Each structure stands twice: as structure tokens, then as C-alpha cells.
N, C-alpha and C. Protein backbone atom coordinates (compact mmCIF):
# COMPACT_ATOMS: atom_id res chain seq x y z
N MET A 1 123.95 -85.86 209.19
CA MET A 1 124.18 -87.17 208.63
C MET A 1 124.46 -88.17 209.74
N SER A 2 124.01 -89.37 209.52
CA SER A 2 124.24 -90.39 210.54
C SER A 2 125.65 -90.94 210.43
N GLN A 3 126.05 -91.65 211.45
CA GLN A 3 127.40 -92.21 211.53
C GLN A 3 127.68 -93.18 210.38
N ILE A 4 126.67 -93.96 209.98
CA ILE A 4 126.88 -94.97 208.94
C ILE A 4 127.18 -94.32 207.58
N GLN A 5 126.74 -93.09 207.38
CA GLN A 5 126.98 -92.42 206.10
C GLN A 5 128.33 -91.74 206.04
N ASN A 6 129.07 -91.77 207.12
CA ASN A 6 130.37 -91.09 207.14
C ASN A 6 131.50 -92.03 207.54
N GLN A 7 131.46 -93.24 207.09
CA GLN A 7 132.54 -94.16 207.41
C GLN A 7 133.82 -93.74 206.69
N GLU A 8 134.93 -93.95 207.37
CA GLU A 8 136.21 -93.69 206.72
C GLU A 8 136.49 -94.80 205.71
N TRP A 9 137.32 -94.49 204.74
CA TRP A 9 137.75 -95.49 203.78
C TRP A 9 138.60 -96.50 204.54
N HIS A 10 138.36 -97.76 204.30
CA HIS A 10 139.11 -98.81 204.99
C HIS A 10 140.58 -98.81 204.57
N HIS A 11 140.81 -98.54 203.30
CA HIS A 11 142.18 -98.49 202.76
C HIS A 11 142.52 -97.04 202.44
N LYS A 12 143.66 -96.61 202.89
CA LYS A 12 144.12 -95.24 202.64
C LYS A 12 144.71 -95.14 201.24
N GLY A 13 144.55 -93.99 200.62
CA GLY A 13 145.11 -93.76 199.29
C GLY A 13 146.62 -93.79 199.28
N SER A 14 147.22 -93.46 200.43
CA SER A 14 148.68 -93.43 200.51
C SER A 14 149.30 -94.82 200.63
N SER A 15 148.48 -95.83 200.83
CA SER A 15 149.01 -97.21 200.92
C SER A 15 148.82 -97.92 199.59
N CYS A 16 149.12 -97.20 198.51
CA CYS A 16 148.84 -97.74 197.18
C CYS A 16 149.90 -98.72 196.67
N CYS A 17 150.96 -98.94 197.41
CA CYS A 17 152.00 -99.87 196.96
C CYS A 17 151.72 -101.31 197.37
N SER A 18 150.63 -101.51 198.06
CA SER A 18 150.30 -102.85 198.52
C SER A 18 148.87 -103.19 198.11
N PRO A 19 148.63 -104.30 197.46
CA PRO A 19 149.60 -105.27 196.97
C PRO A 19 150.34 -104.73 195.75
N PHE A 20 151.57 -105.14 195.64
CA PHE A 20 152.43 -104.60 194.61
C PHE A 20 151.90 -104.90 193.21
N SER A 21 151.28 -106.05 193.02
CA SER A 21 150.77 -106.41 191.69
C SER A 21 149.69 -105.42 191.23
N THR A 22 148.80 -105.04 192.13
CA THR A 22 147.75 -104.07 191.78
C THR A 22 148.36 -102.70 191.53
N CYS A 23 149.33 -102.33 192.36
CA CYS A 23 150.03 -101.05 192.20
C CYS A 23 150.70 -100.99 190.82
N LEU A 24 151.42 -102.03 190.48
CA LEU A 24 152.12 -102.07 189.20
C LEU A 24 151.14 -102.00 188.03
N LEU A 25 150.05 -102.75 188.14
CA LEU A 25 149.04 -102.73 187.09
C LEU A 25 148.38 -101.36 186.97
N SER A 26 148.17 -100.69 188.11
CA SER A 26 147.58 -99.35 188.09
C SER A 26 148.47 -98.34 187.39
N TRP A 27 149.78 -98.53 187.49
CA TRP A 27 150.72 -97.62 186.82
C TRP A 27 150.89 -97.97 185.35
N CYS A 28 150.94 -99.27 185.02
CA CYS A 28 151.24 -99.69 183.65
C CYS A 28 150.01 -99.85 182.76
N CYS A 29 148.94 -100.41 183.32
CA CYS A 29 147.70 -100.65 182.56
C CYS A 29 146.50 -100.29 183.41
N PRO A 30 146.31 -99.00 183.68
CA PRO A 30 145.23 -98.60 184.59
C PRO A 30 143.84 -98.98 184.09
N CYS A 31 143.69 -99.15 182.79
CA CYS A 31 142.37 -99.51 182.26
C CYS A 31 141.91 -100.85 182.80
N PHE A 32 142.83 -101.79 183.02
CA PHE A 32 142.45 -103.11 183.56
C PHE A 32 141.97 -103.00 185.00
N VAL A 33 142.65 -102.20 185.80
CA VAL A 33 142.26 -102.04 187.20
C VAL A 33 140.91 -101.33 187.28
N TYR A 34 140.73 -100.29 186.47
CA TYR A 34 139.44 -99.60 186.46
C TYR A 34 138.32 -100.56 186.04
N GLY A 35 138.55 -101.31 184.97
CA GLY A 35 137.53 -102.23 184.48
C GLY A 35 137.16 -103.30 185.50
N LYS A 36 138.16 -103.83 186.19
CA LYS A 36 137.91 -104.86 187.21
C LYS A 36 137.12 -104.29 188.38
N THR A 37 137.51 -103.13 188.85
CA THR A 37 136.82 -102.50 189.97
C THR A 37 135.40 -102.14 189.59
N HIS A 38 135.22 -101.59 188.40
CA HIS A 38 133.88 -101.23 187.94
C HIS A 38 132.99 -102.46 187.85
N TYR A 39 133.52 -103.54 187.33
CA TYR A 39 132.75 -104.79 187.22
C TYR A 39 132.35 -105.30 188.60
N ARG A 40 133.29 -105.27 189.53
CA ARG A 40 133.03 -105.75 190.89
C ARG A 40 131.94 -104.93 191.57
N VAL A 41 132.03 -103.61 191.46
CA VAL A 41 131.05 -102.73 192.13
C VAL A 41 129.67 -102.90 191.51
N LYS A 42 129.59 -102.92 190.20
CA LYS A 42 128.29 -103.01 189.52
C LYS A 42 127.64 -104.38 189.68
N ASN A 43 128.44 -105.43 189.91
CA ASN A 43 127.89 -106.78 190.04
C ASN A 43 127.91 -107.28 191.48
N LYS A 44 127.98 -106.38 192.43
CA LYS A 44 127.92 -106.69 193.86
C LYS A 44 128.94 -107.76 194.26
N GLY A 45 130.14 -107.62 193.75
CA GLY A 45 131.23 -108.51 194.12
C GLY A 45 131.30 -109.80 193.33
N GLU A 46 130.31 -110.07 192.53
CA GLU A 46 130.29 -111.30 191.73
C GLU A 46 131.20 -111.13 190.52
N MET A 47 132.27 -111.92 190.45
CA MET A 47 133.25 -111.77 189.39
C MET A 47 133.12 -112.82 188.30
N GLN A 48 132.08 -113.64 188.36
CA GLN A 48 131.86 -114.63 187.30
C GLN A 48 131.52 -113.89 186.01
N GLY A 49 132.15 -114.28 184.94
CA GLY A 49 131.93 -113.65 183.65
C GLY A 49 132.81 -112.44 183.40
N TYR A 50 133.69 -112.13 184.35
CA TYR A 50 134.58 -110.98 184.20
C TYR A 50 135.63 -111.25 183.14
N SER A 51 135.88 -110.26 182.32
CA SER A 51 136.94 -110.31 181.32
C SER A 51 137.81 -109.08 181.50
N ALA A 52 139.12 -109.26 181.45
CA ALA A 52 140.04 -108.13 181.67
C ALA A 52 139.81 -107.03 180.64
N CYS A 53 139.47 -107.39 179.44
CA CYS A 53 139.21 -106.40 178.40
C CYS A 53 137.70 -106.27 178.22
N ASN A 54 137.10 -105.40 179.03
CA ASN A 54 135.65 -105.23 178.98
C ASN A 54 135.30 -103.81 178.52
N GLY A 55 134.02 -103.49 178.48
CA GLY A 55 133.57 -102.18 178.02
C GLY A 55 134.12 -101.03 178.85
N SER A 56 134.19 -101.23 180.16
CA SER A 56 134.71 -100.18 181.04
C SER A 56 136.19 -99.92 180.76
N CYS A 57 136.92 -100.99 180.54
CA CYS A 57 138.34 -100.88 180.22
C CYS A 57 138.52 -100.12 178.90
N LEU A 58 137.72 -100.44 177.92
CA LEU A 58 137.82 -99.77 176.62
C LEU A 58 137.43 -98.30 176.71
N ALA A 59 136.39 -97.99 177.51
CA ALA A 59 135.97 -96.60 177.70
C ALA A 59 137.09 -95.80 178.37
N PHE A 60 137.72 -96.39 179.38
CA PHE A 60 138.84 -95.74 180.06
C PHE A 60 139.96 -95.46 179.06
N THR A 61 140.29 -96.45 178.24
CA THR A 61 141.36 -96.29 177.25
C THR A 61 141.02 -95.20 176.25
N GLY A 62 139.77 -95.16 175.80
CA GLY A 62 139.35 -94.12 174.86
C GLY A 62 139.50 -92.72 175.44
N LEU A 63 139.08 -92.56 176.70
CA LEU A 63 139.22 -91.25 177.34
C LEU A 63 140.69 -90.91 177.60
N ALA A 64 141.49 -91.93 177.90
CA ALA A 64 142.93 -91.71 178.14
C ALA A 64 143.61 -91.19 176.88
N CYS A 65 143.17 -91.67 175.73
CA CYS A 65 143.75 -91.19 174.47
C CYS A 65 143.48 -89.70 174.26
N CYS A 66 142.43 -89.19 174.87
CA CYS A 66 142.09 -87.77 174.77
C CYS A 66 142.61 -86.97 175.96
N GLY A 67 143.34 -87.63 176.88
CA GLY A 67 143.85 -86.96 178.06
C GLY A 67 142.82 -86.77 179.16
N LEU A 68 141.76 -87.54 179.11
CA LEU A 68 140.66 -87.40 180.07
C LEU A 68 140.44 -88.66 180.90
N SER A 69 141.52 -89.38 181.18
CA SER A 69 141.39 -90.66 181.88
C SER A 69 140.91 -90.52 183.32
N PHE A 70 140.93 -89.32 183.86
CA PHE A 70 140.51 -89.12 185.26
C PHE A 70 138.98 -89.14 185.42
N ILE A 71 138.24 -88.95 184.35
CA ILE A 71 136.78 -88.78 184.46
C ILE A 71 136.08 -90.02 185.02
N LEU A 72 136.34 -91.18 184.45
CA LEU A 72 135.64 -92.39 184.91
C LEU A 72 136.01 -92.78 186.34
N PRO A 73 137.29 -92.76 186.74
CA PRO A 73 137.61 -93.05 188.14
C PRO A 73 136.99 -92.04 189.11
N MET A 74 136.88 -90.79 188.68
CA MET A 74 136.26 -89.78 189.54
C MET A 74 134.78 -90.10 189.75
N ILE A 75 134.08 -90.46 188.70
CA ILE A 75 132.67 -90.82 188.81
C ILE A 75 132.51 -92.09 189.63
N GLN A 76 133.38 -93.07 189.38
CA GLN A 76 133.30 -94.33 190.13
C GLN A 76 133.57 -94.11 191.61
N ARG A 77 134.48 -93.22 191.94
CA ARG A 77 134.77 -92.92 193.35
C ARG A 77 133.52 -92.37 194.04
N GLY A 78 132.80 -91.50 193.36
CA GLY A 78 131.55 -90.97 193.91
C GLY A 78 130.51 -92.06 194.08
N ASP A 79 130.41 -92.96 193.10
CA ASP A 79 129.48 -94.08 193.20
C ASP A 79 129.82 -94.98 194.38
N MET A 80 131.12 -95.22 194.57
CA MET A 80 131.54 -96.06 195.69
C MET A 80 131.26 -95.39 197.03
N ARG A 81 131.47 -94.09 197.11
CA ARG A 81 131.16 -93.37 198.35
C ARG A 81 129.68 -93.52 198.70
N ALA A 82 128.82 -93.40 197.70
CA ALA A 82 127.38 -93.53 197.94
C ALA A 82 127.02 -94.96 198.31
N ARG A 83 127.56 -95.93 197.61
CA ARG A 83 127.22 -97.33 197.84
C ARG A 83 127.70 -97.84 199.19
N TYR A 84 128.91 -97.47 199.57
CA TYR A 84 129.50 -97.99 200.81
C TYR A 84 129.43 -97.00 201.97
N HIS A 85 128.76 -95.85 201.76
CA HIS A 85 128.58 -94.82 202.80
C HIS A 85 129.93 -94.31 203.32
N LEU A 86 130.77 -93.88 202.41
CA LEU A 86 132.12 -93.43 202.76
C LEU A 86 132.22 -91.91 202.78
N GLN A 87 133.19 -91.43 203.50
CA GLN A 87 133.44 -89.99 203.60
C GLN A 87 133.99 -89.45 202.29
N GLY A 88 133.78 -88.17 202.08
CA GLY A 88 134.33 -87.51 200.91
C GLY A 88 133.32 -86.64 200.22
N ASN A 89 133.74 -86.03 199.12
CA ASN A 89 132.85 -85.19 198.32
C ASN A 89 133.37 -85.15 196.89
N GLY A 90 132.63 -84.52 196.03
CA GLY A 90 132.99 -84.47 194.62
C GLY A 90 134.33 -83.80 194.35
N CYS A 91 134.63 -82.79 195.13
CA CYS A 91 135.91 -82.08 194.96
C CYS A 91 137.09 -83.01 195.28
N LYS A 92 136.97 -83.75 196.37
CA LYS A 92 138.03 -84.68 196.75
C LYS A 92 138.14 -85.82 195.72
N ASP A 93 136.98 -86.27 195.20
CA ASP A 93 137.00 -87.30 194.15
C ASP A 93 137.80 -86.82 192.95
N CYS A 94 137.56 -85.58 192.56
CA CYS A 94 138.26 -85.01 191.40
C CYS A 94 139.75 -84.89 191.67
N LEU A 95 140.11 -84.42 192.85
CA LEU A 95 141.53 -84.28 193.20
C LEU A 95 142.25 -85.62 193.20
N CYS A 96 141.62 -86.64 193.80
CA CYS A 96 142.24 -87.97 193.85
C CYS A 96 142.44 -88.53 192.44
N ALA A 97 141.41 -88.39 191.60
CA ALA A 97 141.48 -88.94 190.25
C ALA A 97 142.48 -88.19 189.38
N CYS A 98 142.61 -86.90 189.59
CA CYS A 98 143.51 -86.08 188.76
C CYS A 98 144.96 -86.11 189.23
N CYS A 99 145.16 -86.02 190.53
CA CYS A 99 146.52 -85.85 191.05
C CYS A 99 147.33 -87.14 191.10
N CYS A 100 146.70 -88.24 191.43
CA CYS A 100 147.42 -89.51 191.45
C CYS A 100 146.47 -90.64 191.09
N SER A 101 146.19 -90.73 189.83
CA SER A 101 145.24 -91.71 189.35
C SER A 101 145.62 -93.16 189.70
N PRO A 102 146.88 -93.58 189.56
CA PRO A 102 147.21 -94.96 189.92
C PRO A 102 146.93 -95.27 191.40
N CYS A 103 147.25 -94.34 192.29
CA CYS A 103 146.98 -94.55 193.72
C CYS A 103 145.48 -94.61 193.96
N ASP A 104 144.74 -93.75 193.28
CA ASP A 104 143.28 -93.73 193.42
C ASP A 104 142.68 -95.04 192.92
N LEU A 105 143.14 -95.52 191.79
CA LEU A 105 142.62 -96.78 191.24
C LEU A 105 142.93 -97.96 192.16
N THR A 106 144.13 -97.97 192.73
CA THR A 106 144.51 -99.04 193.66
C THR A 106 143.63 -98.99 194.90
N GLN A 107 143.41 -97.80 195.43
CA GLN A 107 142.55 -97.66 196.61
C GLN A 107 141.13 -98.11 196.30
N GLN A 108 140.60 -97.72 195.16
CA GLN A 108 139.24 -98.13 194.79
C GLN A 108 139.14 -99.65 194.65
N ASP A 109 140.14 -100.25 194.04
CA ASP A 109 140.13 -101.70 193.87
C ASP A 109 140.11 -102.42 195.22
N LYS A 110 140.98 -102.00 196.12
CA LYS A 110 141.06 -102.64 197.44
C LYS A 110 139.80 -102.37 198.25
N GLU A 111 139.27 -101.15 198.17
CA GLU A 111 138.09 -100.79 198.93
C GLU A 111 136.86 -101.57 198.46
N SER A 112 136.69 -101.68 197.15
CA SER A 112 135.54 -102.43 196.63
C SER A 112 135.64 -103.90 196.98
N GLN A 113 136.83 -104.45 196.92
CA GLN A 113 137.03 -105.85 197.28
C GLN A 113 136.70 -106.07 198.75
N TYR A 114 137.17 -105.17 199.60
CA TYR A 114 136.90 -105.27 201.05
C TYR A 114 135.40 -105.23 201.33
N HIS A 115 134.70 -104.25 200.78
CA HIS A 115 133.27 -104.09 201.08
C HIS A 115 132.42 -105.21 200.48
N GLU A 116 132.75 -105.65 199.29
CA GLU A 116 131.95 -106.71 198.66
C GLU A 116 132.16 -108.05 199.35
N GLU A 117 133.39 -108.35 199.77
CA GLU A 117 133.64 -109.59 200.51
C GLU A 117 132.96 -109.54 201.87
N ARG A 118 132.99 -108.37 202.49
CA ARG A 118 132.34 -108.20 203.79
C ARG A 118 130.83 -108.39 203.67
N ALA A 119 130.23 -107.84 202.62
CA ALA A 119 128.78 -107.99 202.40
C ALA A 119 128.44 -109.46 202.13
N ARG A 120 129.30 -110.14 201.40
CA ARG A 120 129.06 -111.55 201.10
C ARG A 120 129.11 -112.39 202.38
N LEU A 121 130.05 -112.09 203.28
CA LEU A 121 130.15 -112.83 204.54
C LEU A 121 128.95 -112.58 205.44
N VAL A 122 128.44 -111.36 205.45
CA VAL A 122 127.27 -111.04 206.26
C VAL A 122 126.04 -111.79 205.76
N ASN A 123 125.94 -111.96 204.44
CA ASN A 123 124.78 -112.64 203.86
C ASN A 123 124.87 -114.16 203.96
N GLN A 124 126.03 -114.70 204.32
CA GLN A 124 126.19 -116.14 204.45
C GLN A 124 126.11 -116.54 205.92
N GLN A 125 124.91 -116.65 206.43
CA GLN A 125 124.72 -117.03 207.82
C GLN A 125 124.86 -118.54 207.96
N PRO A 126 125.66 -119.00 208.93
CA PRO A 126 125.80 -120.45 209.11
C PRO A 126 124.49 -121.08 209.57
N GLY A 127 124.17 -122.21 209.00
CA GLY A 127 122.98 -122.95 209.39
C GLY A 127 121.69 -122.38 208.83
N LYS A 128 121.77 -121.45 207.91
CA LYS A 128 120.58 -120.84 207.34
C LYS A 128 120.03 -121.77 206.27
N ASN A 129 118.82 -122.27 206.46
CA ASN A 129 118.22 -123.22 205.53
C ASN A 129 117.12 -122.60 204.68
N GLY A 130 116.61 -121.49 205.07
CA GLY A 130 115.53 -120.86 204.32
C GLY A 130 115.06 -119.63 205.05
N GLY A 131 113.93 -119.11 204.61
CA GLY A 131 113.37 -117.92 205.24
C GLY A 131 112.68 -118.25 206.55
N MET A 132 112.26 -117.23 207.25
CA MET A 132 111.59 -117.39 208.52
C MET A 132 110.19 -117.93 208.28
N VAL A 133 109.79 -118.92 209.06
CA VAL A 133 108.46 -119.51 208.93
C VAL A 133 107.71 -119.27 210.24
N TYR A 134 106.50 -118.73 210.10
CA TYR A 134 105.67 -118.45 211.26
C TYR A 134 104.67 -119.57 211.48
N GLY A 135 104.51 -119.96 212.73
CA GLY A 135 103.50 -120.98 213.06
C GLY A 135 102.11 -120.37 213.08
N GLN A 136 101.12 -121.22 212.99
CA GLN A 136 99.73 -120.70 212.97
C GLN A 136 99.21 -120.48 214.36
């Protein structure tokens, strides 16, 4: 595997207490954090049209009622690893989602925000007026 496919996570799972508001929300209403992160990842960082109570949030809540709230964050973690070329594997995704779901959700939220903002900055080149034009 190339170096770009094995990047470390920018935010560590153990630093889940910062920012405190996301940490608190991950413990009290994890469905909102999952829904926000899922929306951000699927829409390439574009948060226009986001609603706190969305389909992802409701799906998370439905699975939580059955004691299976770890499934969607585990799948999302794998999707994020593939999208952002991060280290890890399915076993680690499952352990993170099962053992400390609030910390995992906080890490995913911060990581997706970091990568999407970074991608947006790379695409905003100063002085860019249009595409490349070749002379005859």
C-alpha cells in the first residue's frame, strides 16, 4: 500500500472531550452527532440543507432501541477510512464502535470536519478565474 492510503487519523479517539459540546452531545444524543457526520461525509462537507433530525439520525435511533446502535457508526468509520485514506481495519472499526461509541462518534465528527474543510481549501485556489485555456 502506498503512503497516502495509510494516513493516521488526524484526531485521536482518546481526545474525545474536546470540543466539550460535541462530547456532551455524543453521550446524551448520539443520534444527532451520527446524523451530522453522515450528512457531512456524504455531501462532501456541504452542510446546506442539513437538519438535526434526518434519516440517518432516525436510523441510528431505531437501531439503538434494539441495542444495535454500534452498527451504523462502525460502517461509517469504514467509509471514512476509505474516503480519507486512513489507517485501520474492520475489526478496529467494530471495537471502536462497540467499546466507546461516544468517543468514536466524536472522533468521526472531528475527522470528517477536518478533511472536508481541508479539501474545500485545496479546491479554492486564489485568483482562479476558470479552466486552463490553450493557445493555438
